[in-house]
Every structure is written in structure tokens, then in C-alpha cells.
Protein backbone atom coordinates (compact mmCIF):
# COMPACT_ATOMS: atom_id res chain seq x y z
CA MET A 1 -21.33 133.67 -1.07
CA GLU A 2 -19.75 131.67 -3.97
CA GLN A 3 -22.31 129.87 -6.34
CA PRO A 4 -21.97 126.16 -6.07
CA TYR A 5 -19.89 124.62 -8.80
CA VAL A 6 -19.68 121.38 -10.62
CA ALA A 7 -16.34 119.65 -10.84
CA VAL A 8 -15.84 117.69 -14.17
CA VAL A 9 -13.11 115.10 -14.23
CA GLY A 10 -12.34 113.92 -17.75
CA ALA A 11 -10.64 114.16 -21.02
CA VAL A 12 -9.99 116.99 -23.51
CA ASN A 13 -9.39 116.23 -27.07
CA LEU A 14 -8.64 118.00 -30.29
CA ASP A 15 -11.10 116.57 -32.86
CA ILE A 16 -10.03 116.48 -36.45
CA CYS A 17 -12.79 115.50 -38.82
CA GLY A 18 -12.16 115.08 -42.58
CA LYS A 19 -15.19 114.61 -44.79
CA SER A 20 -14.74 113.52 -48.39
CA PHE A 21 -16.62 115.18 -51.25
CA GLY A 22 -16.78 111.94 -53.08
CA PRO A 23 -16.30 108.17 -52.75
CA LEU A 24 -13.00 107.65 -50.78
CA ILE A 25 -10.04 106.30 -52.73
CA PRO A 26 -7.64 104.42 -50.61
CA ARG A 27 -4.03 105.52 -50.74
CA ASP A 28 -4.72 108.76 -52.59
CA SER A 29 -5.33 112.34 -51.64
CA ASN A 30 -9.10 112.86 -51.59
CA PRO A 31 -10.82 116.27 -52.03
CA GLY A 32 -12.86 117.15 -49.06
CA GLN A 33 -13.39 119.39 -45.95
CA VAL A 34 -11.43 119.24 -42.68
CA ARG A 35 -12.73 120.70 -39.48
CA LEU A 36 -10.94 121.27 -36.20
CA SER A 37 -12.83 121.39 -32.94
CA LEU A 38 -12.33 120.80 -29.26
CA GLY A 39 -13.90 117.64 -27.88
CA GLY A 40 -13.52 114.96 -25.19
CA VAL A 41 -16.42 113.60 -23.24
CA GLY A 42 -15.45 115.57 -20.03
CA ARG A 43 -14.91 118.75 -21.87
CA ASN A 44 -18.05 118.46 -23.82
CA ILE A 45 -20.10 118.04 -20.66
CA ALA A 46 -18.28 120.90 -19.10
CA HIS A 47 -19.12 123.14 -22.09
CA ASN A 48 -22.80 122.15 -22.01
CA LEU A 49 -22.90 122.79 -18.30
CA ARG A 50 -21.67 126.29 -18.93
CA LEU A 51 -24.35 126.87 -21.55
CA LEU A 52 -26.87 125.93 -18.86
CA ASP A 53 -25.29 128.64 -16.52
CA CYS A 54 -23.56 126.14 -14.18
CA PRO A 55 -20.21 127.24 -12.74
CA VAL A 56 -17.60 124.57 -13.71
CA ARG A 57 -14.14 123.64 -12.63
CA MET A 58 -12.35 120.91 -14.66
CA LEU A 59 -9.69 118.42 -13.66
CA THR A 60 -7.95 117.10 -16.80
CA ALA A 61 -4.52 116.54 -18.36
CA LEU A 62 -3.30 118.99 -20.95
CA GLY A 63 -0.39 118.66 -23.50
CA ASP A 64 2.30 121.20 -24.07
CA ASP A 65 1.60 122.33 -27.64
CA PHE A 66 -0.52 124.77 -29.74
CA TYR A 67 -3.63 122.88 -29.23
CA ALA A 68 -3.31 122.84 -25.39
CA ARG A 69 -3.03 126.70 -25.58
CA ARG A 70 -6.09 126.67 -27.69
CA VAL A 71 -7.94 124.56 -25.08
CA GLU A 72 -6.98 126.98 -22.31
CA GLU A 73 -8.10 129.96 -24.30
CA ASP A 74 -11.32 128.37 -25.18
CA CYS A 75 -12.03 127.23 -21.55
CA ALA A 76 -11.17 130.75 -20.31
CA GLY A 77 -13.81 132.25 -22.73
CA LEU A 78 -16.46 129.78 -21.65
CA GLY A 79 -15.67 130.25 -17.97
CA ILE A 80 -14.56 126.70 -17.48
CA GLY A 81 -12.02 126.79 -14.54
CA LEU A 82 -8.71 124.99 -15.26
CA GLU A 83 -6.80 126.13 -12.28
CA GLY A 84 -6.47 122.45 -11.20
CA ALA A 85 -5.64 121.10 -14.67
CA LEU A 86 -2.36 119.05 -15.05
CA ARG A 87 0.13 120.53 -17.59
CA VAL A 88 2.42 117.77 -18.87
CA PRO A 89 5.63 119.18 -20.29
CA GLY A 90 6.50 118.00 -23.74
CA ALA A 91 3.41 116.01 -24.13
CA ALA A 92 1.19 116.18 -27.19
CA SER A 93 -2.55 117.10 -26.79
CA SER A 94 -5.00 114.19 -26.95
CA THR A 95 -6.26 113.91 -30.60
CA TYR A 96 -9.19 112.19 -32.28
CA LEU A 97 -8.90 111.86 -36.06
CA VAL A 98 -11.79 110.67 -38.14
CA ILE A 99 -12.25 110.45 -41.90
CA GLU A 100 -15.85 110.26 -43.25
CA GLY A 101 -17.27 109.39 -46.53
CA PRO A 102 -19.58 111.85 -48.42
CA GLU A 103 -22.58 110.69 -46.52
CA GLY A 104 -21.03 111.31 -43.13
CA ASP A 105 -20.32 107.73 -42.32
CA MET A 106 -17.04 106.90 -40.49
CA ALA A 107 -14.47 105.22 -42.70
CA LEU A 108 -11.53 105.15 -40.37
CA ALA A 109 -10.71 106.84 -37.01
CA LEU A 110 -7.66 107.05 -34.71
CA CYS A 111 -7.62 108.20 -31.06
CA ASP A 112 -4.50 109.26 -29.31
CA GLY A 113 -5.82 109.39 -25.82
CA GLU A 114 -2.90 108.38 -23.70
CA LEU A 115 -2.74 111.81 -21.97
CA ALA A 116 -5.90 110.94 -19.93
CA GLU A 117 -3.82 108.20 -18.22
CA ARG A 118 -2.14 111.13 -16.43
CA ILE A 119 -5.35 111.77 -14.51
CA SER A 120 -3.99 109.58 -11.82
CA PRO A 121 -5.09 108.99 -8.07
CA ASP A 122 -2.12 111.10 -7.05
CA TYR A 123 -3.20 113.97 -9.21
CA LEU A 124 -6.80 113.77 -7.95
CA ALA A 125 -5.48 113.68 -4.37
CA ARG A 126 -3.48 116.92 -4.98
CA ASN A 127 -6.92 118.46 -5.93
CA GLN A 128 -8.98 117.02 -3.21
CA GLY A 129 -9.93 120.41 -1.88
CA LEU A 130 -11.43 121.39 -5.27
CA LEU A 131 -13.38 118.05 -5.34
CA GLU A 132 -14.69 118.48 -1.70
CA GLY A 133 -16.00 121.94 -2.49
CA ALA A 134 -18.11 120.78 -5.47
CA ALA A 135 -21.85 120.49 -5.35
CA ALA A 136 -21.64 117.58 -7.82
CA ILE A 137 -18.91 115.67 -9.60
CA VAL A 138 -19.20 114.44 -13.21
CA THR A 139 -16.71 111.86 -14.59
CA GLU A 140 -16.29 109.53 -17.47
CA THR A 141 -14.43 106.40 -18.41
CA ASN A 142 -11.50 107.78 -20.35
CA LEU A 143 -9.87 107.99 -16.86
CA PRO A 144 -7.79 105.04 -15.59
CA ALA A 145 -9.86 102.52 -13.51
CA GLU A 146 -7.88 103.19 -10.37
CA SER A 147 -8.67 106.93 -10.65
CA LEU A 148 -12.45 106.28 -10.88
CA ASP A 149 -11.98 104.08 -7.85
CA TRP A 150 -10.18 106.91 -6.03
CA LEU A 151 -13.03 109.37 -6.79
CA THR A 152 -15.73 107.02 -5.58
CA THR A 153 -13.76 106.29 -2.47
CA HIS A 154 -12.62 109.81 -1.34
CA CYS A 155 -15.34 112.24 -2.67
CA ALA A 156 -18.51 112.99 -0.63
CA ALA A 157 -20.27 114.92 -3.45
CA PRO A 158 -22.70 112.96 -5.65
CA ILE A 159 -20.96 111.44 -8.60
CA PHE A 160 -22.51 111.36 -12.06
CA ALA A 161 -20.73 108.88 -14.37
CA ASP A 162 -20.97 108.44 -18.19
CA PRO A 163 -19.78 104.99 -19.41
CA VAL A 164 -18.72 106.38 -22.74
CA SER A 165 -18.59 103.08 -24.54
CA VAL A 166 -19.35 99.37 -24.01
CA THR A 167 -15.57 98.67 -23.69
CA LYS A 168 -14.80 101.40 -21.23
CA ALA A 169 -17.96 100.91 -19.18
CA GLU A 170 -16.54 97.83 -17.65
CA LYS A 171 -14.36 100.11 -15.47
CA LEU A 172 -17.55 101.13 -13.59
CA ARG A 173 -18.85 97.59 -12.80
CA PRO A 174 -17.07 97.46 -9.26
CA LEU A 175 -18.00 101.06 -8.52
CA LEU A 176 -21.74 101.15 -9.36
CA GLY A 177 -22.85 101.12 -5.71
CA LYS A 178 -20.77 104.30 -5.05
CA LEU A 179 -22.23 106.34 -7.87
CA PHE A 180 -25.19 108.69 -7.49
CA LEU A 181 -26.24 108.71 -11.21
CA LEU A 182 -25.34 106.54 -14.16
CA LYS A 183 -26.24 107.56 -17.60
CA PRO A 184 -25.69 104.44 -19.93
CA ASN A 185 -27.18 103.81 -23.38
CA ARG A 186 -28.92 100.53 -24.02
CA LEU A 187 -25.87 98.50 -24.77
CA GLU A 188 -23.97 99.84 -21.76
CA ALA A 189 -26.98 99.08 -19.55
CA GLU A 190 -27.10 95.56 -20.85
CA LEU A 191 -23.45 95.03 -20.19
CA LEU A 192 -23.51 96.43 -16.65
CA SER A 193 -26.83 94.80 -15.55
CA GLY A 194 -26.43 91.51 -17.36
CA VAL A 195 -29.95 91.84 -18.79
CA SER A 196 -30.69 91.85 -22.53
CA ILE A 197 -33.03 94.77 -23.13
CA THR A 198 -35.77 93.78 -25.69
CA ASP A 199 -38.88 95.45 -24.26
CA ARG A 200 -40.30 97.46 -21.38
CA ASN A 201 -40.13 94.62 -18.94
CA SER A 202 -36.52 93.78 -19.60
CA LEU A 203 -35.68 97.54 -19.56
CA GLU A 204 -37.24 97.85 -16.06
CA LEU A 205 -35.35 94.67 -14.99
CA ALA A 206 -32.06 96.02 -16.07
CA ALA A 207 -32.61 99.23 -14.27
CA ALA A 208 -33.69 97.32 -11.13
CA LYS A 209 -30.41 95.20 -11.29
CA LEU A 210 -28.32 98.36 -11.42
CA LEU A 211 -30.12 99.87 -8.58
CA GLN A 212 -29.53 96.75 -6.47
CA THR A 213 -25.84 97.50 -6.49
CA GLY A 214 -26.58 100.70 -4.37
CA LEU A 215 -26.60 102.97 -7.36
CA ARG A 216 -28.93 105.85 -6.54
CA ARG A 217 -30.21 106.90 -9.95
CA VAL A 218 -30.07 105.26 -13.44
CA CYS A 219 -30.96 107.02 -16.56
CA ILE A 220 -30.87 104.71 -19.66
CA SER A 221 -30.61 106.72 -22.94
CA LEU A 222 -32.70 105.02 -25.65
CA GLY A 223 -31.80 107.21 -28.56
CA SER A 224 -34.86 108.23 -30.54
CA ARG A 225 -37.03 106.41 -28.06
CA GLY A 226 -36.20 108.84 -25.28
CA VAL A 227 -34.92 108.02 -21.73
CA TYR A 228 -35.85 105.63 -18.92
CA CYS A 229 -35.25 106.83 -15.43
CA ALA A 230 -35.38 104.87 -12.11
CA TRP A 231 -34.66 106.19 -8.76
CA ASP A 232 -36.19 105.58 -5.29
CA THR A 233 -39.51 104.00 -6.08
CA GLN A 234 -40.22 106.14 -9.14
CA ARG A 235 -39.97 105.03 -12.71
CA CYS A 236 -40.64 106.92 -15.95
CA LEU A 237 -40.08 106.46 -19.72
CA ILE A 238 -40.08 109.84 -21.39
CA PRO A 239 -40.14 110.08 -25.26
CA CYS A 240 -37.98 112.46 -27.12
CA PRO A 241 -39.58 115.85 -27.96
CA PRO A 242 -39.90 116.71 -31.68
CA THR A 243 -36.42 117.17 -33.04
CA ALA A 244 -34.92 118.21 -36.34
CA LEU A 245 -31.85 116.02 -36.28
CA VAL A 246 -28.67 117.40 -37.82
CA ASN A 247 -25.76 115.79 -35.94
CA ALA A 248 -26.35 113.17 -33.26
CA SER A 249 -22.88 113.09 -31.86
CA GLY A 250 -23.41 115.54 -28.94
CA GLY A 251 -26.70 114.42 -27.68
CA GLY A 252 -25.38 112.26 -24.80
CA ASP A 253 -23.09 114.79 -23.45
CA ALA A 254 -25.84 117.47 -23.38
CA MET A 255 -28.27 115.00 -21.69
CA MET A 256 -25.75 114.41 -18.95
CA ALA A 257 -25.34 118.16 -18.50
CA GLY A 258 -29.08 118.38 -18.34
CA PHE A 259 -29.34 115.76 -15.52
CA VAL A 260 -26.65 117.53 -13.51
CA ARG A 261 -28.47 120.93 -13.88
CA ALA A 262 -31.80 119.33 -13.01
CA TYR A 263 -30.31 117.82 -9.83
CA LEU A 264 -28.94 121.18 -8.79
CA ASP A 265 -32.28 122.71 -9.31
CA GLY A 266 -34.05 119.88 -7.32
CA LEU A 267 -36.40 118.96 -10.23
CA PRO A 268 -38.49 115.86 -9.55
CA GLN A 269 -37.86 112.80 -11.78
CA GLU A 270 -40.27 113.26 -14.66
CA GLN A 271 -39.25 116.98 -15.03
CA ALA A 272 -35.56 116.15 -14.75
CA ALA A 273 -35.98 113.57 -17.65
CA ARG A 274 -37.86 116.06 -19.86
CA PHE A 275 -35.22 118.74 -19.20
CA ALA A 276 -32.28 116.49 -20.00
CA LEU A 277 -34.07 115.24 -23.23
CA ALA A 278 -34.68 118.87 -24.14
CA CYS A 279 -30.94 119.64 -23.77
CA SER A 280 -30.12 116.55 -25.91
CA ALA A 281 -32.72 117.62 -28.54
CA ILE A 282 -31.30 121.09 -28.88
CA ALA A 283 -27.79 119.66 -28.92
CA VAL A 284 -28.48 117.36 -32.01
CA GLU A 285 -30.13 120.15 -34.05
CA GLY A 286 -26.69 121.88 -34.35
CA ALA A 287 -24.14 120.94 -36.96
CA GLU A 288 -21.33 120.64 -34.40
CA THR A 289 -21.03 118.45 -31.33
CA ILE A 290 -21.83 121.47 -28.99
CA ASN A 291 -24.91 123.51 -30.15
CA PRO A 292 -24.29 127.24 -29.00
CA ASN A 293 -28.24 127.62 -29.16
CA LEU A 294 -28.40 125.52 -25.96
CA ASN A 295 -29.29 127.61 -22.91
CA LEU A 296 -31.35 127.31 -19.78
CA THR A 297 -34.31 129.31 -21.07
CA ALA A 298 -34.40 127.21 -24.37
CA ALA A 299 -34.15 123.95 -22.52
CA LYS A 300 -36.96 124.80 -20.16
CA ARG A 301 -39.19 126.03 -22.97
CA ARG A 302 -38.53 122.85 -24.93
CA ALA A 303 -39.23 120.68 -21.83
CA ASP A 304 -42.40 122.74 -21.12
CA LEU A 305 -41.22 123.62 -17.68
């Protein structure tokens, strides 16, 4: 019997990161280091799920250039199924370009993410069989709003959603009651709940407001403070495990992968939260967005499971 798989619906980017060796001089060529890596919230979550031994099939839109072929080769090596991916003839790959100062602070960034608009309801409908066979569906808000609506209307599998940013989180507001799990950060939770989170009481109220929509589970990421989880009648605030922070950029994607894996394994709430936090902690201890040291054994050990 085929092992249950997770369907990830989201964006794939090429990330180009330039870091200056010294203070940035405008309108000049600055000595520095340039790194190329694969990114995109959906792709990053899919990568972390594979590190946690989850079979993954991804629905996304790919360009028609050298970078798209690199994406395909990378996903093939990881075991991320792209059999349903949309190839767009003549299109450039989605690209995220960031220039950082010597301390790693962002000076300027550009995002060419129009390709994600091709992840349309019609495209999803053509892949409904793949979605119907999934044990869980993970999505994010780089998709068009109408595509997120299609997923929540036509898919029976539990849907895990990452709001991505305060601006893009607004797409999820009318769909909250159709989601299984939402993983917002504090600002995204404030936007979607209408509650300003300043203490434990307001944190609990924000989660309660979100659950009143019909949302099954909410897991509010609190950065270095940990994560607050609310579902059914259970509530827990779990602090972060000891972590040697190197690069915080991939922590949220790994946390989402951890919550999905915990659901598939049937972990109770507190254990699920500790496992997801462990995945996030391992992720931020690596120099890149995805830490190859993340694996199921390491995460369970860090979570004391």
C-alpha cells in the first residue's frame, strides 16, 4: 500500500542574496558575496517535510529557463513529486533578490513572483485527483485568493495554511472556518482576529476569536517566546528549546512542516507543539534557510519525545 503523502500547493522561487563586505555605497559596485538558493514558502515547507520523512507531491508553477530545470533536478533529488506541476512555456522563474549590508540587514529587495498567479482554480481542478489522495494539504498565501477559495471549497483533506505576511494574510480572512490549522505569527494573528496581543490574556482571546470562525487549530508563533496552540478545549504555551541562532529565516517553514508531521503521527497538542518548535530550532541553527541537519530522529530528540 502506498504511504500517505502530503500535497503542498505553493510557490517556488530562486533566491539571490548579495551581502556586502563593507558599508553599501549607492550607485556603485560593492565588493561582497552572492549566493543562489532555492526558496519559496511552499517549496521550503515541502523540503522540510521530506527531511522529516513525509512523502510530498507539490502543485506549483515553474518557468521555462535554466533555474526551472534546477528546481526540477533539486526536487527529484529530494523526492518531492512534481508530476502535477504547471510548466509555463517562455516564462521566467519566480525570483527573490535581496541585498544585505555587512551585518546581514536587508537594504533592498525585489520579488518577481507573478508566476504564482498561474496556480489558478482551473489548474487546481485539473489536479483534483492528486489533492483528493492526500492525507493533508499545505498551502500559503502567494496563491491567488480565488485559488485558496477553491482549495477550501473542493478538498476534503485537512488544510494547513501559512499566512506568509500581514499583507497576504488578508486572503485567508473569509476562509478561516474552512481551514484545519492556521500558523500565524503574532502580527498576522492580530490582523485576522482583530485583537491586539499584548499579554497572555489577549493572546488567548485572539486564539479564541480565530477558533470561533470554525477554524479547527491555531498555532501562533511567538518568535523567541515559543508557540501558543489552541484546539478543541486544549491550550498550551510552549517555550522555545535552547537554540544557537544562526539564521532565523527558515524557522517558520520548518515549524509548519513539524505541525504537519505531528498531525500525521497523531501527537497530542503539547507534544505536537514541542516537536514543531524542535524542528524550528534545528532550522535556525543552520546558515541557510533549510538546515540539512533536520531529520525525524533529531527533532524527536530535541523535543524530548
